[in-house]
Amino acid sequence: MHTTHLTTMAMQYQAALQELQKAAYDMSQRRTRTEELVRLEDSVGRKAAKDILSPDSTPAFDTAAADGFAMVSSATINASPTNPIYFRVAGTIMPGDKPPPTPPCRGPDGVLQCYEIMVGARFPDTATEHLIHMDACAWGTDVREVSLAEVPKADPQLGNRFIMLTKPVTHNANRRRAGADIGKGDRLIRAGMKIRSSHVLPLASVGIREVAVEPLIRVGVWSTGREIVRSDVNGTIATKRTDTGYTYDADGPYLMAALKEYGAEPHFLGLLPSDDPAALEKALRETMATDKFDILVTTGSATPGRSGFVRSVVEKLGGQLHFHGVAMRPGATAMFASLESNAPNNGLVSFFGLPGDPCAMAACFRFLIVPYLQFVRGEKLDELLLTTLELRCSTRLESEPNMDAGAPVEASMGNDCGPLCLDCFRHGRVTASEDGRHKVVRMTKDQGPGKMYPFIDANCWIHLPHGQEIVQGAMVPCLSLSACREEKWQ
C-alpha cells in the first residue's frame, strides 16, 4: 500500500465521516471472518450470521393443555344433565410418560374409554383404521367420578374407575397440536437480526444450543505516556496522589469499557512510552502479523508537533492516511489510517490515533470510532435528539443538592465553543423542561480537555455543527454519552 500524504489543513467533520464510511466498506469487503459459533446464552446482543431455522417442532407431539381426561369428542355430542355420558378410565398419562396405544373407543362391554392425562403429557398415539382418535381433553372439574353400579352394563373385570360427563367436549379442547407453536423448518431469526434475551425462549424450546453470529470487531488498544501507570500492568501502581511523576491511565480503561458497550471485542495491549517511536513501530509490526485485530487504537502522541510521532510510524509502515486533523473541538489532532495486515489472509487493519487528553479522546471515540463501527457493521448511525439549549450550566449542585454552592450558575459562553469553522462537541445533561413538555440541554461546567468530574453528571454530547452560533433557545443535536441511555433521555 502506498502512503498518501495529505495537506496539513484539518478536514471538516462531515468529510471525515465520509472517509470513515468509505474505509469501512473496504474493510468489510476484505473481512475473512464471516461467522462465529457461540453458545445460545452467549449470543444475546450479537447479530445472527444467517437465518436460524427450527430443527424441530414445538410441541414435538400433541400434548394436554390442562389436567383432565383425553377422550373422543364426537362421543360427547349428546351429553347433558339428563343424558350423562359414562367413560371407563383406562389409565393415567403423566408428563414424560410414553403414551399407551390408543384403546378402542368402546370396551368389550360397550362402555366408552378415556385416559386421565396431566398438563404437558403426550396424547395417546394416533388412531389406526380400526380405532377412533382421542382428540380432546375434558377439564377435570367438568367430570364427576362415579361408581361401577352407576354405569350401565359395565364389566368390573375390565376396570372399576369411571367418570360421568354432562356436557359436550369440543374437538381439540385443551389439546396442543404438534407444531402449533413452531413448525420444523420455520425461520425463527433473520440473518442480521440482533438476538435478544427474549429470543432464547423459542430457540431453546426447539433444542438449539449454539448459533452462528457475526464476529465481533476486534480492537486492540494501547495507552501512551511514560507518566502513565495502571494497577494491572506489571503490578505497578501509583499509591500517592502527591507523586507528581505518575498519572493513572484513564484512557485505556475507558476505551475498553466503551468498546465493549458498543458491541466490539476490546483487548488492552499495554502501555507505550510517549517518546519512543521504535516501541510503537515494533508493537504495530508484531500485532499486524497476528491477524487478531480489525482495529488498532493509540491514545496520545498524535499531535503534529515534536511530541507526536504516531503519523510518522504509520507512514513508515506503508499505511494509507485518510486524515490527520479534523476541524473539531476537542479532538482536532485525531488521525485515521489503514494498514495492510502481514497475516496470510492479507486483510486491512484500521488505525486510529487519538489525542491523550481524556475529554478529547472520549469525544473522538463517540464521534469517530463509534460511527466507524456502525459503518463496518452496516448499521444506521445513532439518531440525533434535537434539544433546546439553555445557557445555564449543569453543575454539581444540581446533582448533589447538599453541596455548598461554590460555583456560578450562569455559563460564560463567549468563545468557549471555539471558532464557527469547527464542529464542537460539549458534554451536557438532557432533562425535561420545567413544564415537562419538551427536552432541554445544558452544558456541564468545566469543559476543559483534562476535566473528568463532569462526566459523572453528564448524560449526552452536544454537537454544535460548524457555523452554528450559540444562543439561548437554539435547537441543538445531542447524542447519548454512552450506549446505555438513561430512562429520561427520550
Protein backbone atom coordinates (compact mmCIF):
# COMPACT_ATOMS: atom_id res chain seq x y z
CA MET A 1 0.00 0.00 0.00
CA HIS A 2 1.36 3.40 -0.96
CA THR A 3 1.41 6.18 1.59
CA THR A 4 -0.96 9.05 0.87
CA HIS A 5 0.39 12.38 2.10
CA LEU A 6 -2.37 14.83 2.98
CA THR A 7 -2.19 18.53 3.44
CA THR A 8 -1.90 19.90 6.94
CA MET A 9 -5.31 21.60 6.68
CA ALA A 10 -7.77 19.94 9.02
CA MET A 11 -10.60 18.00 7.36
CA GLN A 12 -14.17 19.07 8.06
CA TYR A 13 -16.01 16.67 10.36
CA GLN A 14 -18.62 15.60 7.78
CA ALA A 15 -15.84 14.92 5.27
CA ALA A 16 -14.07 12.80 7.93
CA LEU A 17 -17.28 10.77 8.35
CA GLN A 18 -17.33 10.15 4.60
CA GLU A 19 -13.73 8.92 4.74
CA LEU A 20 -14.66 6.59 7.58
CA GLN A 21 -17.61 5.24 5.61
CA LYS A 22 -15.51 4.50 2.51
CA ALA A 23 -12.78 2.84 4.57
CA ALA A 24 -15.38 0.79 6.46
CA TYR A 25 -16.75 -0.53 3.15
CA ASP A 26 -13.26 -1.54 2.00
CA MET A 27 -12.62 -3.26 5.32
CA SER A 28 -15.93 -5.13 5.31
CA GLN A 29 -15.29 -6.37 1.77
CA ARG A 30 -11.96 -7.87 2.80
CA ARG A 31 -13.01 -9.41 6.10
CA THR A 32 -12.47 -13.17 6.04
CA ARG A 33 -14.25 -13.95 9.30
CA THR A 34 -17.93 -14.22 8.39
CA GLU A 35 -19.40 -16.07 11.34
CA GLU A 36 -18.64 -17.40 14.80
CA LEU A 37 -20.38 -20.24 16.62
CA VAL A 38 -21.33 -19.34 20.20
CA ARG A 39 -23.47 -20.84 22.93
CA LEU A 40 -27.09 -19.73 22.83
CA GLU A 41 -26.86 -17.92 26.17
CA ASP A 42 -23.79 -16.01 24.93
CA SER A 43 -25.46 -14.86 21.72
CA VAL A 44 -27.61 -12.13 23.28
CA GLY A 45 -26.71 -8.77 21.79
CA ARG A 46 -24.98 -10.38 18.80
CA LYS A 47 -26.23 -10.40 15.20
CA ALA A 48 -27.25 -13.66 13.57
CA ALA A 49 -24.83 -14.52 10.76
CA LYS A 50 -27.53 -16.37 8.84
CA ASP A 51 -31.18 -17.35 9.12
CA ILE A 52 -31.84 -19.58 12.11
CA LEU A 53 -34.33 -22.31 11.18
CA SER A 54 -36.11 -24.55 13.63
CA PRO A 55 -34.71 -28.10 13.60
CA ASP A 56 -37.87 -29.43 15.24
CA SER A 57 -41.49 -28.66 16.00
CA THR A 58 -42.86 -27.46 19.27
CA PRO A 59 -44.72 -29.09 20.74
CA ALA A 60 -43.00 -32.06 19.17
CA PHE A 61 -46.20 -34.06 19.70
CA ASP A 62 -49.79 -33.46 20.78
CA THR A 63 -49.92 -32.59 24.48
CA ALA A 64 -52.58 -31.81 27.06
CA ALA A 65 -53.09 -28.14 27.89
CA ALA A 66 -54.82 -28.93 31.20
CA ASP A 67 -55.25 -31.68 33.76
CA GLY A 68 -58.23 -33.71 32.62
CA PHE A 69 -59.32 -36.74 30.59
CA ALA A 70 -58.33 -37.50 26.99
CA MET A 71 -61.32 -38.77 25.04
CA VAL A 72 -63.11 -38.87 21.70
CA SER A 73 -65.02 -35.61 21.43
CA SER A 74 -67.63 -36.96 18.99
CA ALA A 75 -68.83 -39.37 21.67
CA THR A 76 -69.88 -36.42 23.89
CA ILE A 77 -72.11 -34.54 21.43
CA ASN A 78 -75.33 -35.51 23.18
CA ALA A 79 -74.04 -35.22 26.77
CA SER A 80 -76.37 -33.33 29.12
CA PRO A 81 -77.51 -33.49 32.75
CA THR A 82 -80.44 -35.66 31.65
CA ASN A 83 -78.26 -37.74 29.32
CA PRO A 84 -74.89 -38.24 31.05
CA ILE A 85 -72.08 -39.97 29.17
CA TYR A 86 -70.01 -42.52 31.07
CA PHE A 87 -66.33 -43.37 30.46
CA ARG A 88 -64.05 -46.06 31.84
CA VAL A 89 -60.61 -44.59 32.79
CA ALA A 90 -58.15 -46.92 31.06
CA GLY A 91 -55.10 -45.41 32.79
CA THR A 92 -53.18 -42.25 33.65
CA ILE A 93 -50.61 -40.45 31.47
CA MET A 94 -48.07 -38.22 33.24
CA PRO A 95 -45.64 -35.74 31.59
CA GLY A 96 -42.67 -37.71 30.28
CA ASP A 97 -44.58 -40.99 30.10
CA LYS A 98 -44.55 -42.94 26.87
CA PRO A 99 -48.17 -42.73 25.69
CA PRO A 100 -50.06 -46.02 25.68
CA PRO A 101 -51.55 -47.35 22.45
CA THR A 102 -54.97 -45.86 21.76
CA PRO A 103 -57.63 -48.30 23.06
CA PRO A 104 -60.84 -48.96 21.14
CA CYS A 105 -63.41 -46.20 21.54
CA ARG A 106 -65.56 -48.67 23.49
CA GLY A 107 -64.56 -51.65 25.58
CA PRO A 108 -65.91 -55.18 25.04
CA ASP A 109 -68.78 -54.30 27.34
CA GLY A 110 -69.71 -51.27 25.20
CA VAL A 111 -68.55 -48.62 27.73
CA LEU A 112 -66.66 -45.61 26.29
CA GLN A 113 -62.98 -45.42 27.29
CA CYS A 114 -60.66 -42.48 28.14
CA TYR A 115 -57.32 -41.71 29.79
CA GLU A 116 -56.65 -39.42 32.69
CA ILE A 117 -53.97 -37.02 31.41
CA MET A 118 -51.87 -34.34 33.10
CA VAL A 119 -50.93 -30.97 31.62
CA GLY A 120 -47.91 -31.32 29.32
CA ALA A 121 -48.35 -35.08 28.92
CA ARG A 122 -48.41 -36.59 25.45
CA PHE A 123 -51.76 -37.58 23.97
CA PRO A 124 -52.30 -41.27 23.19
CA ASP A 125 -50.92 -42.39 19.83
CA THR A 126 -52.77 -41.58 16.62
CA ALA A 127 -55.64 -43.88 15.71
CA THR A 128 -55.37 -46.68 13.19
CA GLU A 129 -58.11 -47.55 10.72
CA HIS A 130 -59.79 -49.68 13.38
CA LEU A 131 -59.64 -47.07 16.18
CA ILE A 132 -61.03 -43.60 16.78
CA HIS A 133 -58.51 -40.91 17.71
CA MET A 134 -58.69 -39.31 21.14
CA ASP A 135 -58.84 -35.68 20.09
CA ALA A 136 -59.85 -33.67 23.17
CA CYS A 137 -59.27 -33.25 26.87
CA ALA A 138 -62.18 -32.65 29.22
CA TRP A 139 -61.41 -30.47 32.23
CA GLY A 140 -61.07 -32.45 35.44
CA THR A 141 -63.57 -30.07 37.02
CA ASP A 142 -66.17 -30.84 34.31
CA VAL A 143 -66.44 -34.53 35.15
CA ARG A 144 -67.52 -36.50 38.19
CA GLU A 145 -66.17 -39.85 39.26
CA VAL A 146 -68.90 -42.46 39.67
CA SER A 147 -69.09 -45.99 40.99
CA LEU A 148 -69.37 -49.19 38.98
CA ALA A 149 -73.04 -49.54 39.97
CA GLU A 150 -73.91 -46.25 38.22
CA VAL A 151 -72.50 -47.30 34.83
CA PRO A 152 -74.91 -49.40 32.77
CA LYS A 153 -73.59 -52.80 31.57
CA ALA A 154 -70.05 -52.16 32.92
CA ASP A 155 -67.90 -55.28 33.32
CA PRO A 156 -65.90 -54.99 36.58
CA GLN A 157 -63.15 -57.22 35.18
CA LEU A 158 -62.29 -54.56 32.58
CA GLY A 159 -61.64 -51.83 35.18
CA ASN A 160 -63.51 -50.19 38.01
CA ARG A 161 -62.71 -46.47 37.66
CA PHE A 162 -65.36 -44.42 35.84
CA ILE A 163 -66.27 -40.78 35.15
CA MET A 164 -69.51 -39.13 34.11
CA LEU A 165 -69.72 -36.15 31.71
CA THR A 166 -72.86 -33.97 31.44
CA LYS A 167 -71.86 -31.53 28.65
CA PRO A 168 -70.18 -31.89 25.26
CA VAL A 169 -66.43 -31.52 24.78
CA THR A 170 -65.38 -29.67 21.63
CA HIS A 171 -62.90 -31.01 19.10
CA ASN A 172 -59.28 -30.29 20.15
CA ALA A 173 -60.35 -28.87 23.51
CA ASN A 174 -57.34 -28.42 25.84
CA ARG A 175 -55.08 -30.07 23.30
CA ARG A 176 -51.86 -28.51 22.00
CA ARG A 177 -51.27 -29.77 18.48
CA ALA A 178 -47.79 -30.83 17.37
CA GLY A 179 -46.12 -27.89 15.60
CA ALA A 180 -48.89 -25.48 16.58
CA ASP A 181 -46.31 -23.14 18.17
CA ILE A 182 -43.22 -23.61 15.96
CA GLY A 183 -43.05 -25.83 12.92
CA LYS A 184 -39.99 -27.71 11.75
CA GLY A 185 -38.11 -25.51 9.28
CA ASP A 186 -39.76 -22.27 10.42
CA ARG A 187 -37.43 -19.25 10.29
CA LEU A 188 -37.01 -18.02 13.84
CA ILE A 189 -34.32 -15.36 13.39
CA ARG A 190 -33.42 -13.50 10.20
CA ALA A 191 -29.79 -13.02 9.20
CA GLY A 192 -28.57 -9.71 10.61
CA MET A 193 -31.16 -9.58 13.40
CA LYS A 194 -29.78 -8.75 16.83
CA ILE A 195 -30.50 -11.60 19.21
CA ARG A 196 -32.33 -10.60 22.40
CA SER A 197 -32.80 -12.49 25.64
CA SER A 198 -36.48 -12.99 24.71
CA HIS A 199 -35.34 -14.93 21.61
CA VAL A 200 -33.67 -17.53 23.82
CA LEU A 201 -37.07 -18.96 24.85
CA PRO A 202 -38.20 -20.12 21.39
CA LEU A 203 -34.68 -21.06 20.30
CA ALA A 204 -34.08 -23.23 23.36
CA SER A 205 -37.55 -24.78 23.08
CA VAL A 206 -36.62 -26.45 19.78
CA GLY A 207 -33.27 -27.73 21.06
CA ILE A 208 -30.94 -25.04 19.65
CA ARG A 209 -27.87 -24.78 21.86
CA GLU A 210 -25.43 -22.94 19.57
CA VAL A 211 -25.98 -20.21 16.99
CA ALA A 212 -23.83 -18.68 14.24
CA VAL A 213 -23.35 -14.97 14.86
CA GLU A 214 -21.45 -12.23 13.09
CA PRO A 215 -17.95 -11.97 14.55
CA LEU A 216 -17.28 -9.07 16.86
CA ILE A 217 -14.96 -6.35 15.63
CA ARG A 218 -11.69 -6.97 17.45
CA VAL A 219 -9.98 -3.82 18.72
CA GLY A 220 -6.50 -3.55 20.19
CA VAL A 221 -5.81 -0.56 22.47
CA TRP A 222 -2.53 1.00 23.60
CA SER A 223 -2.12 3.87 26.03
CA THR A 224 1.00 6.01 25.59
CA GLY A 225 2.98 8.06 28.07
CA ARG A 226 5.91 7.44 30.40
CA GLU A 227 3.92 9.11 33.17
CA ILE A 228 1.00 6.69 32.82
CA VAL A 229 0.56 3.80 35.24
CA ARG A 230 -2.04 1.05 35.55
CA SER A 231 -2.65 -1.19 38.51
CA ASP A 232 -2.92 -4.21 36.22
CA VAL A 233 0.32 -3.80 34.28
CA ASN A 234 3.48 -5.29 35.81
CA GLY A 235 1.96 -4.80 39.24
CA THR A 236 2.76 -1.08 39.05
CA ILE A 237 0.53 1.42 40.82
CA ALA A 238 0.94 4.99 41.97
CA THR A 239 -0.07 4.89 45.61
CA LYS A 240 0.11 8.59 46.50
CA ARG A 241 -1.74 11.47 44.94
CA THR A 242 1.24 13.69 45.72
CA ASP A 243 3.51 11.65 43.45
CA THR A 244 3.63 14.07 40.52
CA GLY A 245 5.72 11.69 38.45
CA TYR A 246 2.77 9.42 37.65
CA THR A 247 -0.75 9.69 36.27
CA TYR A 248 -3.36 6.98 36.37
CA ASP A 249 -4.33 5.69 32.95
CA ALA A 250 -7.91 6.81 32.30
CA ASP A 251 -7.95 6.46 28.50
CA GLY A 252 -7.27 2.73 28.37
CA PRO A 253 -9.94 1.62 30.87
CA TYR A 254 -12.47 3.98 29.28
CA LEU A 255 -11.87 2.65 25.77
CA MET A 256 -12.04 -0.95 26.96
CA ALA A 257 -15.39 -0.34 28.67
CA ALA A 258 -16.86 1.84 25.91
CA LEU A 259 -15.82 -0.51 23.09
CA LYS A 260 -17.47 -3.41 24.88
CA GLU A 261 -20.58 -1.31 25.47
CA TYR A 262 -20.79 -0.58 21.75
CA GLY A 263 -20.54 -4.23 20.78
CA ALA A 264 -16.83 -4.62 19.98
CA GLU A 265 -14.29 -7.06 21.40
CA PRO A 266 -11.57 -4.92 23.03
CA HIS A 267 -8.11 -6.05 24.11
CA PHE A 268 -5.70 -3.87 26.06
CA LEU A 269 -2.26 -4.33 24.54
CA GLY A 270 -0.25 -2.37 27.10
CA LEU A 271 1.45 0.93 27.77
CA LEU A 272 3.85 2.53 25.29
CA PRO A 273 6.38 5.26 26.12
CA SER A 274 5.48 8.65 24.68
CA ASP A 275 8.97 9.39 23.38
CA ASP A 276 9.89 6.13 21.65
CA PRO A 277 8.67 5.73 18.05
CA ALA A 278 10.58 2.44 17.79
CA ALA A 279 8.42 0.92 20.53
CA LEU A 280 5.22 1.77 18.64
CA GLU A 281 6.68 0.51 15.35
CA LYS A 282 7.69 -2.78 16.96
CA ALA A 283 4.28 -3.17 18.61
CA LEU A 284 2.46 -2.46 15.35
CA ARG A 285 4.61 -4.85 13.29
CA GLU A 286 4.14 -7.69 15.77
CA THR A 287 0.40 -7.10 16.05
CA MET A 288 -0.12 -6.80 12.29
CA ALA A 289 1.43 -10.25 11.80
CA THR A 290 -1.08 -12.00 14.06
CA ASP A 291 -4.43 -11.41 12.30
CA LYS A 292 -6.01 -10.92 15.74
CA PHE A 293 -7.37 -7.40 15.29
CA ASP A 294 -9.56 -5.42 12.92
CA ILE A 295 -8.88 -2.03 14.51
CA LEU A 296 -5.91 -0.68 16.45
CA VAL A 297 -6.10 2.42 18.65
CA THR A 298 -3.47 4.51 20.38
CA THR A 299 -4.07 7.43 22.73
CA GLY A 300 -1.57 10.26 22.89
CA SER A 301 1.44 11.28 20.77
CA ALA A 302 -0.86 12.13 17.85
CA THR A 303 -0.05 15.88 17.77
CA PRO A 304 1.74 17.12 14.65
CA GLY A 305 4.38 18.75 16.89
CA ARG A 306 7.61 17.40 18.37
CA SER A 307 5.90 15.01 20.79
CA GLY A 308 3.73 13.45 18.11
CA PHE A 309 5.33 10.55 16.25
CA VAL A 310 2.35 8.28 15.55
CA ARG A 311 1.84 9.55 11.99
CA SER A 312 5.47 9.08 11.02
CA VAL A 313 5.40 5.47 12.29
CA VAL A 314 2.22 4.72 10.33
CA GLU A 315 3.74 6.22 7.18
CA LYS A 316 6.91 4.21 7.69
CA LEU A 317 4.82 1.05 7.79
CA GLY A 318 3.20 1.98 4.47
CA GLY A 319 -0.15 2.97 5.90
CA GLN A 320 -2.78 4.82 3.90
CA LEU A 321 -3.50 8.02 5.79
CA HIS A 322 -7.14 9.05 5.41
CA PHE A 323 -6.92 12.10 7.63
CA HIS A 324 -4.74 13.62 10.33
CA GLY A 325 -6.52 16.57 11.84
CA VAL A 326 -10.26 17.16 11.95
CA ALA A 327 -11.94 20.55 12.26
CA MET A 328 -13.49 19.62 15.58
CA ARG A 329 -13.02 20.58 19.20
CA PRO A 330 -11.97 18.73 21.23
CA GLY A 331 -10.08 16.13 19.20
CA ALA A 332 -8.55 18.23 16.42
CA THR A 333 -5.42 16.04 16.21
CA ALA A 334 -7.29 12.78 15.57
CA MET A 335 -5.78 10.53 12.93
CA PHE A 336 -7.23 7.67 10.89
CA ALA A 337 -5.32 5.31 8.60
CA SER A 338 -5.48 1.85 7.02
CA LEU A 339 -2.67 -0.69 7.35
CA GLU A 340 -2.10 -3.85 5.36
CA SER A 341 -2.05 -6.92 7.56
CA ASN A 342 1.02 -9.13 7.31
CA ALA A 343 -1.11 -12.16 8.16
CA PRO A 344 -1.79 -14.82 5.48
CA ASN A 345 -5.32 -13.53 4.74
CA ASN A 346 -3.89 -10.12 3.74
CA GLY A 347 -6.75 -8.15 5.31
CA LEU A 348 -6.96 -4.48 6.20
CA VAL A 349 -6.47 -3.19 9.72
CA SER A 350 -7.85 0.23 10.60
CA PHE A 351 -5.80 2.52 12.81
CA PHE A 352 -6.98 5.41 14.99
CA GLY A 353 -4.50 7.75 16.65
CA LEU A 354 -6.46 9.63 19.30
CA PRO A 355 -5.38 12.56 21.48
CA GLY A 356 -4.34 11.71 25.02
CA ASP A 357 -6.48 14.26 26.85
CA PRO A 358 -9.37 12.24 28.32
CA CYS A 359 -12.19 14.55 27.19
CA ALA A 360 -10.76 14.86 23.67
CA MET A 361 -10.19 11.11 23.48
CA ALA A 362 -13.78 10.42 24.61
CA ALA A 363 -15.19 12.85 22.03
CA CYS A 364 -13.14 11.21 19.26
CA PHE A 365 -14.36 7.80 20.35
CA ARG A 366 -18.03 8.82 20.29
CA PHE A 367 -17.92 10.82 17.06
CA LEU A 368 -15.29 8.94 15.03
CA ILE A 369 -14.81 5.39 16.27
CA VAL A 370 -18.47 4.63 17.07
CA PRO A 371 -19.65 5.74 13.59
CA TYR A 372 -16.87 3.65 12.07
CA LEU A 373 -18.01 0.56 14.00
CA GLN A 374 -21.56 1.18 12.79
CA PHE A 375 -20.41 1.64 9.18
CA VAL A 376 -18.49 -1.65 9.25
CA ARG A 377 -21.49 -3.50 10.68
CA GLY A 378 -23.86 -1.94 8.16
CA GLU A 379 -25.86 -0.17 10.86
CA LYS A 380 -27.51 3.23 10.79
CA LEU A 381 -25.76 5.98 12.68
CA ASP A 382 -27.30 6.87 16.03
CA GLU A 383 -30.25 9.20 15.69
CA LEU A 384 -29.66 12.72 16.97
CA LEU A 385 -32.04 14.19 19.52
CA LEU A 386 -32.84 17.84 18.80
CA THR A 387 -33.00 19.64 22.12
CA THR A 388 -33.48 23.22 23.30
CA LEU A 389 -30.23 24.72 24.59
CA GLU A 390 -30.31 26.56 27.91
CA LEU A 391 -27.36 28.82 28.55
CA ARG A 392 -27.05 27.73 32.15
CA CYS A 393 -24.53 25.21 33.31
CA SER A 394 -25.49 21.85 34.71
CA THR A 395 -23.39 21.79 37.89
CA ARG A 396 -22.54 19.52 40.76
CA LEU A 397 -25.04 21.48 42.83
CA GLU A 398 -27.95 20.16 40.74
CA SER A 399 -26.99 16.53 41.13
CA GLU A 400 -25.77 16.90 44.69
CA PRO A 401 -28.08 19.49 46.34
CA ASN A 402 -26.42 19.12 49.73
CA MET A 403 -23.13 20.53 48.44
CA ASP A 404 -22.19 24.13 49.13
CA ALA A 405 -22.90 26.47 46.25
CA GLY A 406 -19.35 27.29 45.28
CA ALA A 407 -19.69 27.70 41.51
CA PRO A 408 -21.58 30.29 39.49
CA VAL A 409 -24.77 29.11 37.86
CA GLU A 410 -24.54 31.22 34.73
CA ALA A 411 -22.36 29.91 31.95
CA SER A 412 -19.97 32.25 30.24
CA MET A 413 -20.35 31.02 26.66
CA GLY A 414 -18.30 33.62 24.74
CA ASN A 415 -15.80 31.80 22.54
CA ASP A 416 -15.82 28.73 24.78
CA CYS A 417 -17.11 26.58 21.95
CA GLY A 418 -14.41 27.69 19.57
CA PRO A 419 -14.46 29.31 16.14
CA LEU A 420 -17.52 28.85 13.98
CA CYS A 421 -15.42 26.93 11.44
CA LEU A 422 -15.21 23.98 13.87
CA ASP A 423 -17.67 21.27 14.80
CA CYS A 424 -17.68 21.48 18.59
CA PHE A 425 -18.67 18.74 21.00
CA ARG A 426 -19.59 19.53 24.57
CA HIS A 427 -20.76 17.18 27.29
CA GLY A 428 -24.05 18.18 28.84
CA ARG A 429 -27.19 16.99 30.52
CA VAL A 430 -30.57 16.43 28.86
CA THR A 431 -33.56 16.85 31.18
CA ALA A 432 -37.23 17.71 30.90
CA SER A 433 -38.16 21.37 30.77
CA GLU A 434 -39.76 22.93 33.83
CA ASP A 435 -43.25 22.46 32.36
CA GLY A 436 -42.36 18.89 31.34
CA ARG A 437 -43.40 19.43 27.73
CA HIS A 438 -40.06 19.11 25.97
CA LYS A 439 -36.38 18.32 26.44
CA VAL A 440 -33.75 20.89 27.31
CA VAL A 441 -29.99 20.53 27.47
CA ARG A 442 -27.40 22.41 29.48
CA MET A 443 -23.68 22.21 29.10
CA THR A 444 -21.86 20.83 32.10
CA LYS A 445 -19.45 23.14 33.85
CA ASP A 446 -15.70 22.70 33.27
CA GLN A 447 -15.36 21.73 29.61
CA GLY A 448 -11.56 21.56 29.77
CA PRO A 449 -9.95 18.58 27.99
CA GLY A 450 -8.42 17.34 31.24
CA LYS A 451 -11.57 17.68 33.36
CA MET A 452 -13.21 14.37 34.20
CA TYR A 453 -15.65 15.04 37.04
CA PRO A 454 -18.26 16.50 34.64
CA PHE A 455 -18.66 13.01 33.15
CA ILE A 456 -20.33 11.97 36.42
CA ASP A 457 -23.24 14.38 35.81
CA ALA A 458 -23.34 14.44 32.02
CA ASN A 459 -25.62 12.14 30.02
CA CYS A 460 -25.10 13.46 26.50
CA TRP A 461 -22.77 15.00 23.98
CA ILE A 462 -23.97 18.27 22.42
CA HIS A 463 -22.95 18.55 18.77
CA LEU A 464 -22.54 22.16 17.67
CA PRO A 465 -22.06 21.99 13.87
CA HIS A 466 -19.66 24.47 12.31
CA GLY A 467 -21.32 27.76 11.54
CA GLN A 468 -23.93 27.47 14.30
CA GLU A 469 -23.94 30.32 16.79
CA ILE A 470 -24.71 29.54 20.40
CA VAL A 471 -27.80 31.38 21.58
CA GLN A 472 -30.38 30.79 24.27
CA GLY A 473 -33.19 28.57 22.99
CA ALA A 474 -31.29 27.27 19.96
CA MET A 475 -32.16 23.75 18.84
CA VAL A 476 -29.01 21.66 19.09
CA PRO A 477 -28.44 17.99 18.21
CA CYS A 478 -27.45 15.68 21.07
CA LEU A 479 -26.15 12.13 21.27
CA SER A 480 -26.18 9.88 24.30
CA LEU A 481 -22.93 9.82 26.21
CA SER A 482 -22.92 6.02 26.14
CA ALA A 483 -24.81 3.14 24.57
CA CYS A 484 -26.87 2.76 27.78
CA ARG A 485 -29.30 5.67 27.68
CA GLU A 486 -30.98 6.85 30.83
CA GLU A 487 -34.75 6.43 31.08
CA LYS A 488 -35.29 10.19 30.83
CA TRP A 489 -33.24 10.52 27.64
CA GLN A 490 -36.35 10.20 25.46
